Amino acid sequence: MKRPPRIGIALGSGSARGWAHIGVLRALAREGIEPQIISGCSIGAFVGAVAASGDLEKLGLWVEALGWQDVVGLMDMGLRGGLIKGDKLIAFFERNFVDRDFTALPHLFGCVATDLQNGHEVWLREGSVSAAVRASIALPGLMTPSWQDGRLLVDGGLVNPVPVSLARAMGADVVIAVDLNSDLVGAAWRGRAGPSVPAEAPGWSRKLLARFGRNGTPLADDNDAPESLPSMLTVMQSSISIMSVRIARSRLAGEPADVLISPRLAQLGLMDYHRGPEAIAEGEAAVELALPTIRRALSQR
């Protein structure tokens, strides 16, 4: 008798847009589609680890209630290696969601990081889940790198933003991939005439600069910069988007998924973690559009 296919899901990188993964997984569950294998990169590793532990709904409720002040409260300033040390975030992650070994997870899970010293892709599938997630989400410049087993690890999105290859290596027969960045390049300037500066998401640059000032004194903002220049955060966001989209397209061309889900998330900024309900809804909507393709892929195995 033919066994049912082992379903894998590859959850891609995308910072705050990653809350869309919650919507994707919720919508698949409503259709009776439960991935047995989960691979993740960056925010996809964060959500994927929670899903693999069986706490997705708990995460969803927390994200839906998350305000920007809650987000800022999870940030701890670091001056070496990145703006945020990440200790408070991972402590919260361990306390409320996942603090166990990979072997204790109900579902197979793996995540991707990048070795900063040689550029190699690193697959993390053993030891502490929270330590692996910490390495995978270490976005260069924003969060400090993570030392593990003599390697200095940063965000896996530098090498494999949508880790289809990892899901297949873990034994998936059918891989559903979630690409969060497909519509991002140029999104900040889309629909605007000339070289005008895009509208900023509600003050995130100033909020972060004020938050991380020394001795309670806000860091200097760029109010004296020419008005034709975008903010620091917009430049970072646009640059990361270009990098992620180019790398993802290259990897997916060589290692295609059976189904590619692409939520429309260009309206969400790099640090818009407080807009979880919007991201979740976009993830659910993307699954609805992809359902015929998903069913066809599963029926052919």
C-alpha atoms as a PDB file:
ATOM      1  CA  MET A   1       0.000   0.000   0.000  1.00  0.00           C
ATOM      2  CA  LYS A   2       1.321   3.396  -0.987  1.00  0.00           C
ATOM      3  CA  ARG A   3       2.185   5.567   2.022  1.00  0.00           C
ATOM      4  CA  PRO A   4       1.001   9.175   2.151  1.00  0.00           C
ATOM      5  CA  PRO A   5       3.666  11.712   1.207  1.00  0.00           C
ATOM      6  CA  ARG A   6       5.712  13.315   3.944  1.00  0.00           C
ATOM      7  CA  ILE A   7       4.918  17.007   3.793  1.00  0.00           C
ATOM      8  CA  GLY A   8       7.633  19.525   4.482  1.00  0.00           C
ATOM      9  CA  ILE A   9       7.313  23.274   4.797  1.00  0.00           C
ATOM     10  CA  ALA A  10      10.161  25.747   4.290  1.00  0.00           C
ATOM     11  CA  LEU A  11       9.538  29.006   6.145  1.00  0.00           C
ATOM     12  CA  GLY A  12      11.542  31.879   4.716  1.00  0.00           C
ATOM     13  CA  SER A  13      13.274  34.911   6.188  1.00  0.00           C
ATOM     14  CA  GLY A  14      11.702  38.356   6.290  1.00  0.00           C
ATOM     15  CA  SER A  15      11.930  39.979   9.737  1.00  0.00           C
ATOM     16  CA  ALA A  16       8.509  41.288  10.888  1.00  0.00           C
ATOM     17  CA  ARG A  17       6.843  39.933   7.767  1.00  0.00           C
ATOM     18  CA  GLY A  18       7.492  36.491   9.233  1.00  0.00           C
ATOM     19  CA  TRP A  19       4.332  36.621  11.312  1.00  0.00           C
ATOM     20  CA  ALA A  20       2.644  35.697   8.005  1.00  0.00           C
ATOM     21  CA  HIS A  21       3.989  32.180   8.593  1.00  0.00           C
ATOM     22  CA  ILE A  22       1.480  31.854  11.439  1.00  0.00           C
ATOM     23  CA  GLY A  23      -1.354  32.555   9.014  1.00  0.00           C
ATOM     24  CA  VAL A  24       0.048  30.093   6.477  1.00  0.00           C
ATOM     25  CA  LEU A  25       0.277  27.282   9.040  1.00  0.00           C
ATOM     26  CA  ARG A  26      -3.168  28.062  10.457  1.00  0.00           C
ATOM     27  CA  ALA A  27      -4.784  27.988   7.017  1.00  0.00           C
ATOM     28  CA  LEU A  28      -3.061  24.720   6.093  1.00  0.00           C
ATOM     29  CA  ALA A  29      -4.223  23.149   9.371  1.00  0.00           C
ATOM     30  CA  ARG A  30      -7.824  24.127   8.606  1.00  0.00           C
ATOM     31  CA  GLU A  31      -7.501  22.170   5.355  1.00  0.00           C
ATOM     32  CA  GLY A  32      -6.134  19.141   7.190  1.00  0.00           C
ATOM     33  CA  ILE A  33      -2.613  19.702   5.827  1.00  0.00           C
ATOM     34  CA  GLU A  34      -0.099  19.156   8.630  1.00  0.00           C
ATOM     35  CA  PRO A  35       3.593  19.314   7.695  1.00  0.00           C
ATOM     36  CA  GLN A  36       5.636  16.614   9.401  1.00  0.00           C
ATOM     37  CA  ILE A  37       8.899  18.384   8.557  1.00  0.00           C
ATOM     38  CA  ILE A  38       9.596  22.068   9.175  1.00  0.00           C
ATOM     39  CA  SER A  39      12.651  23.985   8.022  1.00  0.00           C
ATOM     40  CA  GLY A  40      13.113  27.657   8.763  1.00  0.00           C
ATOM     41  CA  CYS A  41      15.392  30.602   8.203  1.00  0.00           C
ATOM     42  CA  SER A  42      15.591  33.688  10.428  1.00  0.00           C
ATOM     43  CA  ILE A  43      12.020  34.627  11.487  1.00  0.00           C
ATOM     44  CA  GLY A  44      10.964  31.405   9.750  1.00  0.00           C
ATOM     45  CA  ALA A  45      13.169  29.541  12.229  1.00  0.00           C
ATOM     46  CA  PHE A  46      11.521  31.382  15.125  1.00  0.00           C
ATOM     47  CA  VAL A  47       7.975  30.541  13.997  1.00  0.00           C
ATOM     48  CA  GLY A  48       8.976  27.081  12.761  1.00  0.00           C
ATOM     49  CA  ALA A  49      10.490  26.072  16.092  1.00  0.00           C
ATOM     50  CA  VAL A  50       7.319  27.068  17.909  1.00  0.00           C
ATOM     51  CA  ALA A  51       5.159  25.206  15.375  1.00  0.00           C
ATOM     52  CA  ALA A  52       7.353  22.098  15.677  1.00  0.00           C
ATOM     53  CA  SER A  53       6.865  22.202  19.446  1.00  0.00           C
ATOM     54  CA  GLY A  54       3.062  22.366  19.112  1.00  0.00           C
ATOM     55  CA  ASP A  55       2.667  25.915  20.473  1.00  0.00           C
ATOM     56  CA  LEU A  56       1.687  27.746  17.292  1.00  0.00           C
ATOM     57  CA  GLU A  57      -1.649  28.992  18.620  1.00  0.00           C
ATOM     58  CA  LYS A  58       0.007  30.314  21.757  1.00  0.00           C
ATOM     59  CA  LEU A  59       2.443  32.245  19.575  1.00  0.00           C
ATOM     60  CA  GLY A  60      -0.396  33.493  17.397  1.00  0.00           C
ATOM     61  CA  LEU A  61      -2.302  34.915  20.361  1.00  0.00           C
ATOM     62  CA  TRP A  62       0.835  36.655  21.628  1.00  0.00           C
ATOM     63  CA  VAL A  63       1.631  38.154  18.212  1.00  0.00           C
ATOM     64  CA  GLU A  64      -1.938  39.393  17.719  1.00  0.00           C
ATOM     65  CA  ALA A  65      -1.731  41.303  21.016  1.00  0.00           C
ATOM     66  CA  LEU A  66       1.783  42.646  20.446  1.00  0.00           C
ATOM     67  CA  GLY A  67       2.222  46.441  20.503  1.00  0.00           C
ATOM     68  CA  TRP A  68       5.281  48.406  19.408  1.00  0.00           C
ATOM     69  CA  GLN A  69       6.146  49.204  23.027  1.00  0.00           C
ATOM     70  CA  ASP A  70       6.206  45.458  23.737  1.00  0.00           C
ATOM     71  CA  VAL A  71       8.580  44.990  20.806  1.00  0.00           C
ATOM     72  CA  VAL A  72      10.933  47.725  21.993  1.00  0.00           C
ATOM     73  CA  GLY A  73      10.825  46.220  25.488  1.00  0.00           C
ATOM     74  CA  LEU A  74      12.370  43.011  24.130  1.00  0.00           C
ATOM     75  CA  MET A  75      15.369  44.859  22.709  1.00  0.00           C
ATOM     76  CA  ASP A  76      18.633  45.142  24.619  1.00  0.00           C
ATOM     77  CA  MET A  77      21.236  47.527  23.300  1.00  0.00           C
ATOM     78  CA  GLY A  78      24.565  46.191  22.128  1.00  0.00           C
ATOM     79  CA  LEU A  79      27.482  48.163  20.728  1.00  0.00           C
ATOM     80  CA  ARG A  80      29.620  45.222  19.562  1.00  0.00           C
ATOM     81  CA  GLY A  81      28.456  43.202  16.572  1.00  0.00           C
ATOM     82  CA  GLY A  82      24.931  44.598  16.372  1.00  0.00           C
ATOM     83  CA  LEU A  83      22.418  47.107  17.667  1.00  0.00           C
ATOM     84  CA  ILE A  84      20.550  44.436  19.668  1.00  0.00           C
ATOM     85  CA  LYS A  85      22.227  41.762  21.803  1.00  0.00           C
ATOM     86  CA  GLY A  86      19.224  39.420  21.588  1.00  0.00           C
ATOM     87  CA  ASP A  87      19.525  38.072  25.142  1.00  0.00           C
ATOM     88  CA  LYS A  88      16.139  39.420  26.263  1.00  0.00           C
ATOM     89  CA  LEU A  89      14.381  38.086  23.176  1.00  0.00           C
ATOM     90  CA  ILE A  90      15.807  34.586  23.495  1.00  0.00           C
ATOM     91  CA  ALA A  91      15.143  34.504  27.251  1.00  0.00           C
ATOM     92  CA  PHE A  92      11.521  35.362  26.492  1.00  0.00           C
ATOM     93  CA  PHE A  93      11.450  32.726  23.734  1.00  0.00           C
ATOM     94  CA  GLU A  94      12.766  30.036  26.087  1.00  0.00           C
ATOM     95  CA  ARG A  95      10.472  31.041  28.934  1.00  0.00           C
ATOM     96  CA  ASN A  96       7.276  31.127  26.896  1.00  0.00           C
ATOM     97  CA  PHE A  97       7.774  28.851  23.912  1.00  0.00           C
ATOM     98  CA  VAL A  98      10.736  26.564  23.172  1.00  0.00           C
ATOM     99  CA  ASP A  99      13.458  25.546  25.620  1.00  0.00           C
ATOM    100  CA  ARG A 100      14.339  21.969  24.718  1.00  0.00           C
ATOM    101  CA  ASP A 101      16.510  19.730  22.570  1.00  0.00           C
ATOM    102  CA  PHE A 102      15.715  19.050  18.916  1.00  0.00           C
ATOM    103  CA  THR A 103      15.080  15.388  19.747  1.00  0.00           C
ATOM    104  CA  ALA A 104      12.236  16.386  22.106  1.00  0.00           C
ATOM    105  CA  LEU A 105      10.189  18.157  19.420  1.00  0.00           C
ATOM    106  CA  PRO A 106       6.999  16.428  18.176  1.00  0.00           C
ATOM    107  CA  HIS A 107       7.893  17.306  14.563  1.00  0.00           C
ATOM    108  CA  LEU A 108      11.179  17.251  12.670  1.00  0.00           C
ATOM    109  CA  PHE A 109      12.701  20.718  12.630  1.00  0.00           C
ATOM    110  CA  GLY A 110      15.857  22.301  11.294  1.00  0.00           C
ATOM    111  CA  CYS A 111      17.024  25.827  10.647  1.00  0.00           C
ATOM    112  CA  VAL A 112      19.672  27.654   8.640  1.00  0.00           C
ATOM    113  CA  ALA A 113      22.437  29.996   9.744  1.00  0.00           C
ATOM    114  CA  THR A 114      25.508  31.451   8.042  1.00  0.00           C
ATOM    115  CA  ASP A 115      29.099  31.028   9.202  1.00  0.00           C
ATOM    116  CA  LEU A 116      30.341  34.623   9.230  1.00  0.00           C
ATOM    117  CA  GLN A 117      33.996  33.608   9.017  1.00  0.00           C
ATOM    118  CA  ASN A 118      33.822  31.586   5.804  1.00  0.00           C
ATOM    119  CA  GLY A 119      30.343  32.246   4.338  1.00  0.00           C
ATOM    120  CA  HIS A 120      29.254  28.606   4.556  1.00  0.00           C
ATOM    121  CA  GLU A 121      25.630  27.609   4.985  1.00  0.00           C
ATOM    122  CA  VAL A 122      25.085  25.852   8.325  1.00  0.00           C
ATOM    123  CA  TRP A 123      22.184  23.496   9.032  1.00  0.00           C
ATOM    124  CA  LEU A 124      21.246  23.372  12.719  1.00  0.00           C
ATOM    125  CA  ARG A 125      19.429  20.187  13.742  1.00  0.00           C
ATOM    126  CA  GLU A 126      21.019  19.123  17.027  1.00  0.00           C
ATOM    127  CA  GLY A 127      21.287  20.423  20.580  1.00  0.00           C
ATOM    128  CA  SER A 128      19.387  23.412  21.936  1.00  0.00           C
ATOM    129  CA  VAL A 129      16.518  24.632  19.752  1.00  0.00           C
ATOM    130  CA  SER A 130      16.614  28.127  21.213  1.00  0.00           C
ATOM    131  CA  ALA A 131      20.367  28.420  20.557  1.00  0.00           C
ATOM    132  CA  ALA A 132      19.805  27.390  16.941  1.00  0.00           C
ATOM    133  CA  VAL A 133      17.010  29.927  16.510  1.00  0.00           C
ATOM    134  CA  ARG A 134      19.189  32.618  18.094  1.00  0.00           C
ATOM    135  CA  ALA A 135      21.846  32.001  15.442  1.00  0.00           C
ATOM    136  CA  SER A 136      19.381  31.899  12.555  1.00  0.00           C
ATOM    137  CA  ILE A 137      17.767  35.257  13.435  1.00  0.00           C
ATOM    138  CA  ALA A 138      21.026  37.203  13.933  1.00  0.00           C
ATOM    139  CA  LEU A 139      20.484  39.757  11.169  1.00  0.00           C
ATOM    140  CA  PRO A 140      23.880  41.417  10.540  1.00  0.00           C
ATOM    141  CA  GLY A 141      24.084  44.907  11.982  1.00  0.00           C
ATOM    142  CA  LEU A 142      20.827  44.564  13.871  1.00  0.00           C
ATOM    143  CA  MET A 143      21.481  41.589  16.168  1.00  0.00           C
ATOM    144  CA  THR A 144      24.830  40.382  17.447  1.00  0.00           C
ATOM    145  CA  PRO A 145      26.246  37.137  15.985  1.00  0.00           C
ATOM    146  CA  SER A 146      26.118  33.896  17.973  1.00  0.00           C
ATOM    147  CA  TRP A 147      29.124  31.734  18.880  1.00  0.00           C
ATOM    148  CA  GLN A 148      28.356  28.007  18.553  1.00  0.00           C
ATOM    149  CA  ASP A 149      30.863  25.156  18.433  1.00  0.00           C
ATOM    150  CA  GLY A 150      33.684  27.497  17.502  1.00  0.00           C
ATOM    151  CA  ARG A 151      31.717  29.148  14.693  1.00  0.00           C
ATOM    152  CA  LEU A 152      30.438  32.719  14.553  1.00  0.00           C
ATOM    153  CA  LEU A 153      26.921  32.415  13.153  1.00  0.00           C
ATOM    154  CA  VAL A 154      24.564  35.004  11.680  1.00  0.00           C
ATOM    155  CA  ASP A 155      21.231  35.083   9.862  1.00  0.00           C
ATOM    156  CA  GLY A 156      20.688  32.211   7.430  1.00  0.00           C
ATOM    157  CA  GLY A 157      19.004  34.565   4.974  1.00  0.00           C
ATOM    158  CA  LEU A 158      22.451  35.507   3.657  1.00  0.00           C
ATOM    159  CA  VAL A 159      22.802  32.098   2.011  1.00  0.00           C
ATOM    160  CA  ASN A 160      19.422  30.310   1.917  1.00  0.00           C
ATOM    161  CA  PRO A 161      16.414  32.563   2.628  1.00  0.00           C
ATOM    162  CA  VAL A 162      13.824  29.866   1.813  1.00  0.00           C
ATOM    163  CA  PRO A 163      15.380  26.545   2.904  1.00  0.00           C
ATOM    164  CA  VAL A 164      13.746  24.059   0.536  1.00  0.00           C
ATOM    165  CA  SER A 165      16.970  22.059   0.351  1.00  0.00           C
ATOM    166  CA  LEU A 166      16.964  21.488   4.110  1.00  0.00           C
ATOM    167  CA  ALA A 167      13.360  20.262   4.115  1.00  0.00           C
ATOM    168  CA  ARG A 168      14.188  17.752   1.372  1.00  0.00           C
ATOM    169  CA  ALA A 169      17.322  16.627   3.202  1.00  0.00           C
ATOM    170  CA  MET A 170      15.179  15.888   6.262  1.00  0.00           C
ATOM    171  CA  GLY A 171      13.002  13.558   4.179  1.00  0.00           C
ATOM    172  CA  ALA A 172      10.143  15.624   2.767  1.00  0.00           C
ATOM    173  CA  ASP A 173       8.455  14.178  -0.322  1.00  0.00           C
ATOM    174  CA  VAL A 174       6.465  17.347  -1.009  1.00  0.00           C
ATOM    175  CA  VAL A 175       7.815  20.757  -0.014  1.00  0.00           C
ATOM    176  CA  ILE A 176       5.637  23.823   0.417  1.00  0.00           C
ATOM    177  CA  ALA A 177       7.819  26.932   0.506  1.00  0.00           C
ATOM    178  CA  VAL A 178       6.843  30.331   1.899  1.00  0.00           C
ATOM    179  CA  ASP A 179       8.687  33.286   0.371  1.00  0.00           C
ATOM    180  CA  LEU A 180       7.992  36.505   2.289  1.00  0.00           C
ATOM    181  CA  ASN A 181      10.003  38.842   0.074  1.00  0.00           C
ATOM    182  CA  SER A 182       8.765  38.304  -3.466  1.00  0.00           C
ATOM    183  CA  ASP A 183       7.201  41.773  -3.866  1.00  0.00           C
ATOM    184  CA  LEU A 184       9.647  43.868  -1.847  1.00  0.00           C
ATOM    185  CA  VAL A 185      12.191  45.314  -4.269  1.00  0.00           C
ATOM    186  CA  GLY A 186      11.335  48.970  -4.823  1.00  0.00           C
ATOM    187  CA  ALA A 187       8.248  48.743  -2.632  1.00  0.00           C
ATOM    188  CA  ALA A 188       9.155  51.857  -0.613  1.00  0.00           C
ATOM    189  CA  TRP A 189       9.195  53.963  -3.790  1.00  0.00           C
ATOM    190  CA  ARG A 190       6.415  52.214  -5.720  1.00  0.00           C
ATOM    191  CA  GLY A 191       3.726  54.498  -7.058  1.00  0.00           C
ATOM    192  CA  ARG A 192       5.712  57.693  -6.332  1.00  0.00           C
ATOM    193  CA  ALA A 193       6.838  60.130  -8.982  1.00  0.00           C
ATOM    194  CA  GLY A 194      10.475  61.205  -9.163  1.00  0.00           C
ATOM    195  CA  PRO A 195      13.124  60.793  -6.462  1.00  0.00           C
ATOM    196  CA  SER A 196      10.892  61.779  -3.564  1.00  0.00           C
ATOM    197  CA  VAL A 197      11.512  60.117  -0.228  1.00  0.00           C
ATOM    198  CA  PRO A 198       9.070  57.330   0.660  1.00  0.00           C
ATOM    199  CA  ALA A 199       6.741  57.784   3.587  1.00  0.00           C
ATOM    200  CA  GLU A 200       8.165  56.245   6.741  1.00  0.00           C
ATOM    201  CA  ALA A 201       6.518  53.577   8.828  1.00  0.00           C
ATOM    202  CA  PRO A 202       5.361  55.285  12.028  1.00  0.00           C
ATOM    203  CA  GLY A 203       8.581  56.710  13.398  1.00  0.00           C
ATOM    204  CA  TRP A 204      10.552  53.510  13.863  1.00  0.00           C
ATOM    205  CA  SER A 205      13.907  55.172  13.198  1.00  0.00           C
ATOM    206  CA  ARG A 206      13.323  57.775  15.867  1.00  0.00           C
ATOM    207  CA  LYS A 207      11.875  55.249  18.310  1.00  0.00           C
ATOM    208  CA  LEU A 208      14.962  53.059  18.008  1.00  0.00           C
ATOM    209  CA  LEU A 209      17.373  55.998  18.151  1.00  0.00           C
ATOM    210  CA  ALA A 210      15.651  57.352  21.243  1.00  0.00           C
ATOM    211  CA  ARG A 211      15.525  53.918  22.849  1.00  0.00           C
ATOM    212  CA  PHE A 212      19.247  53.249  22.465  1.00  0.00           C
ATOM    213  CA  GLY A 213      20.679  56.621  23.528  1.00  0.00           C
ATOM    214  CA  ARG A 214      23.410  56.634  26.155  1.00  0.00           C
ATOM    215  CA  ASN A 215      22.509  57.654  29.716  1.00  0.00           C
ATOM    216  CA  GLY A 216      18.952  58.393  28.706  1.00  0.00           C
ATOM    217  CA  THR A 217      20.042  60.871  26.015  1.00  0.00           C
ATOM    218  CA  PRO A 218      18.649  59.961  22.570  1.00  0.00           C
ATOM    219  CA  LEU A 219      21.190  59.286  19.850  1.00  0.00           C
ATOM    220  CA  ALA A 220      21.495  62.008  17.246  1.00  0.00           C
ATOM    221  CA  ASP A 221      18.925  61.734  14.475  1.00  0.00           C
ATOM    222  CA  ASP A 222      19.590  62.742  10.882  1.00  0.00           C
ATOM    223  CA  ASN A 223      17.412  65.839  10.875  1.00  0.00           C
ATOM    224  CA  ASP A 224      20.224  67.815   9.185  1.00  0.00           C
ATOM    225  CA  ALA A 225      20.447  65.386   6.258  1.00  0.00           C
ATOM    226  CA  PRO A 226      19.130  66.548   2.872  1.00  0.00           C
ATOM    227  CA  GLU A 227      15.391  65.980   2.565  1.00  0.00           C
ATOM    228  CA  SER A 228      15.966  63.949  -0.606  1.00  0.00           C
ATOM    229  CA  LEU A 229      17.631  61.199   1.433  1.00  0.00           C
ATOM    230  CA  PRO A 230      15.588  58.404   3.037  1.00  0.00           C
ATOM    231  CA  SER A 231      16.041  57.441   6.669  1.00  0.00           C
ATOM    232  CA  MET A 232      18.623  54.967   7.938  1.00  0.00           C
ATOM    233  CA  LEU A 233      15.927  52.339   8.463  1.00  0.00           C
ATOM    234  CA  THR A 234      14.518  52.761   4.958  1.00  0.00           C
ATOM    235  CA  VAL A 235      17.979  52.335   3.444  1.00  0.00           C
ATOM    236  CA  MET A 236      18.599  49.221   5.571  1.00  0.00           C
ATOM    237  CA  GLN A 237      15.189  47.791   4.759  1.00  0.00           C
ATOM    238  CA  SER A 238      15.487  48.361   1.007  1.00  0.00           C
ATOM    239  CA  SER A 239      19.025  46.979   0.868  1.00  0.00           C
ATOM    240  CA  ILE A 240      18.119  43.846   2.809  1.00  0.00           C
ATOM    241  CA  SER A 241      15.078  43.371   0.567  1.00  0.00           C
ATOM    242  CA  ILE A 242      17.187  43.487  -2.599  1.00  0.00           C
ATOM    243  CA  MET A 243      19.692  41.017  -1.170  1.00  0.00           C
ATOM    244  CA  SER A 244      17.016  38.611   0.069  1.00  0.00           C
ATOM    245  CA  VAL A 245      15.002  38.626  -3.143  1.00  0.00           C
ATOM    246  CA  ARG A 246      18.043  38.037  -5.354  1.00  0.00           C
ATOM    247  CA  ILE A 247      19.377  35.189  -3.227  1.00  0.00           C
ATOM    248  CA  ALA A 248      15.949  33.567  -2.831  1.00  0.00           C
ATOM    249  CA  ARG A 249      15.252  33.639  -6.567  1.00  0.00           C
ATOM    250  CA  SER A 250      18.607  32.040  -7.292  1.00  0.00           C
ATOM    251  CA  ARG A 251      18.195  29.290  -4.688  1.00  0.00           C
ATOM    252  CA  LEU A 252      14.574  28.520  -5.622  1.00  0.00           C
ATOM    253  CA  ALA A 253      15.509  28.264  -9.299  1.00  0.00           C
ATOM    254  CA  GLY A 254      18.062  25.571  -8.511  1.00  0.00           C
ATOM    255  CA  GLU A 255      16.085  23.912  -5.701  1.00  0.00           C
ATOM    256  CA  PRO A 256      12.416  24.474  -6.562  1.00  0.00           C
ATOM    257  CA  ALA A 257       9.635  23.747  -4.125  1.00  0.00           C
ATOM    258  CA  ASP A 258       6.593  21.722  -5.164  1.00  0.00           C
ATOM    259  CA  VAL A 259       4.413  24.656  -4.116  1.00  0.00           C
ATOM    260  CA  LEU A 260       5.507  28.254  -3.585  1.00  0.00           C
ATOM    261  CA  ILE A 261       3.354  30.499  -1.378  1.00  0.00           C
ATOM    262  CA  SER A 262       4.087  34.221  -1.646  1.00  0.00           C
ATOM    263  CA  PRO A 263       2.093  36.453   0.724  1.00  0.00           C
ATOM    264  CA  ARG A 264       1.840  40.094  -0.355  1.00  0.00           C
ATOM    265  CA  LEU A 265       3.746  41.873   2.411  1.00  0.00           C
ATOM    266  CA  ALA A 266       5.490  44.874   0.856  1.00  0.00           C
ATOM    267  CA  GLN A 267       3.435  47.226   3.028  1.00  0.00           C
ATOM    268  CA  LEU A 268       5.137  45.878   6.166  1.00  0.00           C
ATOM    269  CA  GLY A 269       8.482  47.278   7.281  1.00  0.00           C
ATOM    270  CA  LEU A 270      11.547  45.559   8.669  1.00  0.00           C
ATOM    271  CA  MET A 271      10.587  46.285  12.283  1.00  0.00           C
ATOM    272  CA  ASP A 272       6.771  46.231  12.058  1.00  0.00           C
ATOM    273  CA  TYR A 273       6.440  43.355  14.513  1.00  0.00           C
ATOM    274  CA  HIS A 274       3.459  45.139  16.084  1.00  0.00           C
ATOM    275  CA  ARG A 275       1.439  44.618  12.876  1.00  0.00           C
ATOM    276  CA  GLY A 276       1.032  40.885  13.443  1.00  0.00           C
ATOM    277  CA  PRO A 277      -2.701  40.583  12.655  1.00  0.00           C
ATOM    278  CA  GLU A 278      -2.125  42.140   9.235  1.00  0.00           C
ATOM    279  CA  ALA A 279       0.754  39.789   8.426  1.00  0.00           C
ATOM    280  CA  ILE A 280      -1.173  36.737   9.655  1.00  0.00           C
ATOM    281  CA  ALA A 281      -4.155  37.644   7.482  1.00  0.00           C
ATOM    282  CA  GLU A 282      -1.914  37.963   4.408  1.00  0.00           C
ATOM    283  CA  GLY A 283      -0.488  34.507   5.109  1.00  0.00           C
ATOM    284  CA  GLU A 284      -3.951  32.995   5.307  1.00  0.00           C
ATOM    285  CA  ALA A 285      -5.036  34.723   2.090  1.00  0.00           C
ATOM    286  CA  ALA A 286      -1.971  33.434   0.242  1.00  0.00           C
ATOM    287  CA  VAL A 287      -2.800  29.852   1.213  1.00  0.00           C
ATOM    288  CA  GLU A 288      -6.358  30.238  -0.077  1.00  0.00           C
ATOM    289  CA  LEU A 289      -4.980  31.242  -3.473  1.00  0.00           C
ATOM    290  CA  ALA A 290      -2.500  28.358  -3.490  1.00  0.00           C
ATOM    291  CA  LEU A 291      -4.858  25.594  -2.340  1.00  0.00           C
ATOM    292  CA  PRO A 292      -5.558  24.111  -5.822  1.00  0.00           C
ATOM    293  CA  THR A 293      -1.807  23.853  -6.461  1.00  0.00           C
ATOM    294  CA  ILE A 294      -1.206  22.337  -3.015  1.00  0.00           C
ATOM    295  CA  ARG A 295      -3.920  19.697  -3.487  1.00  0.00           C
ATOM    296  CA  ARG A 296      -2.608  18.818  -6.944  1.00  0.00           C
ATOM    297  CA  ALA A 297       0.948  18.440  -5.642  1.00  0.00           C
ATOM    298  CA  LEU A 298      -0.212  16.148  -2.824  1.00  0.00           C
ATOM    299  CA  SER A 299      -2.425  14.019  -5.075  1.00  0.00           C
ATOM    300  CA  GLN A 300       0.430  13.305  -7.449  1.00  0.00           C
ATOM    301  CA  ARG A 301       2.589  11.659  -4.737  1.00  0.00           C
END
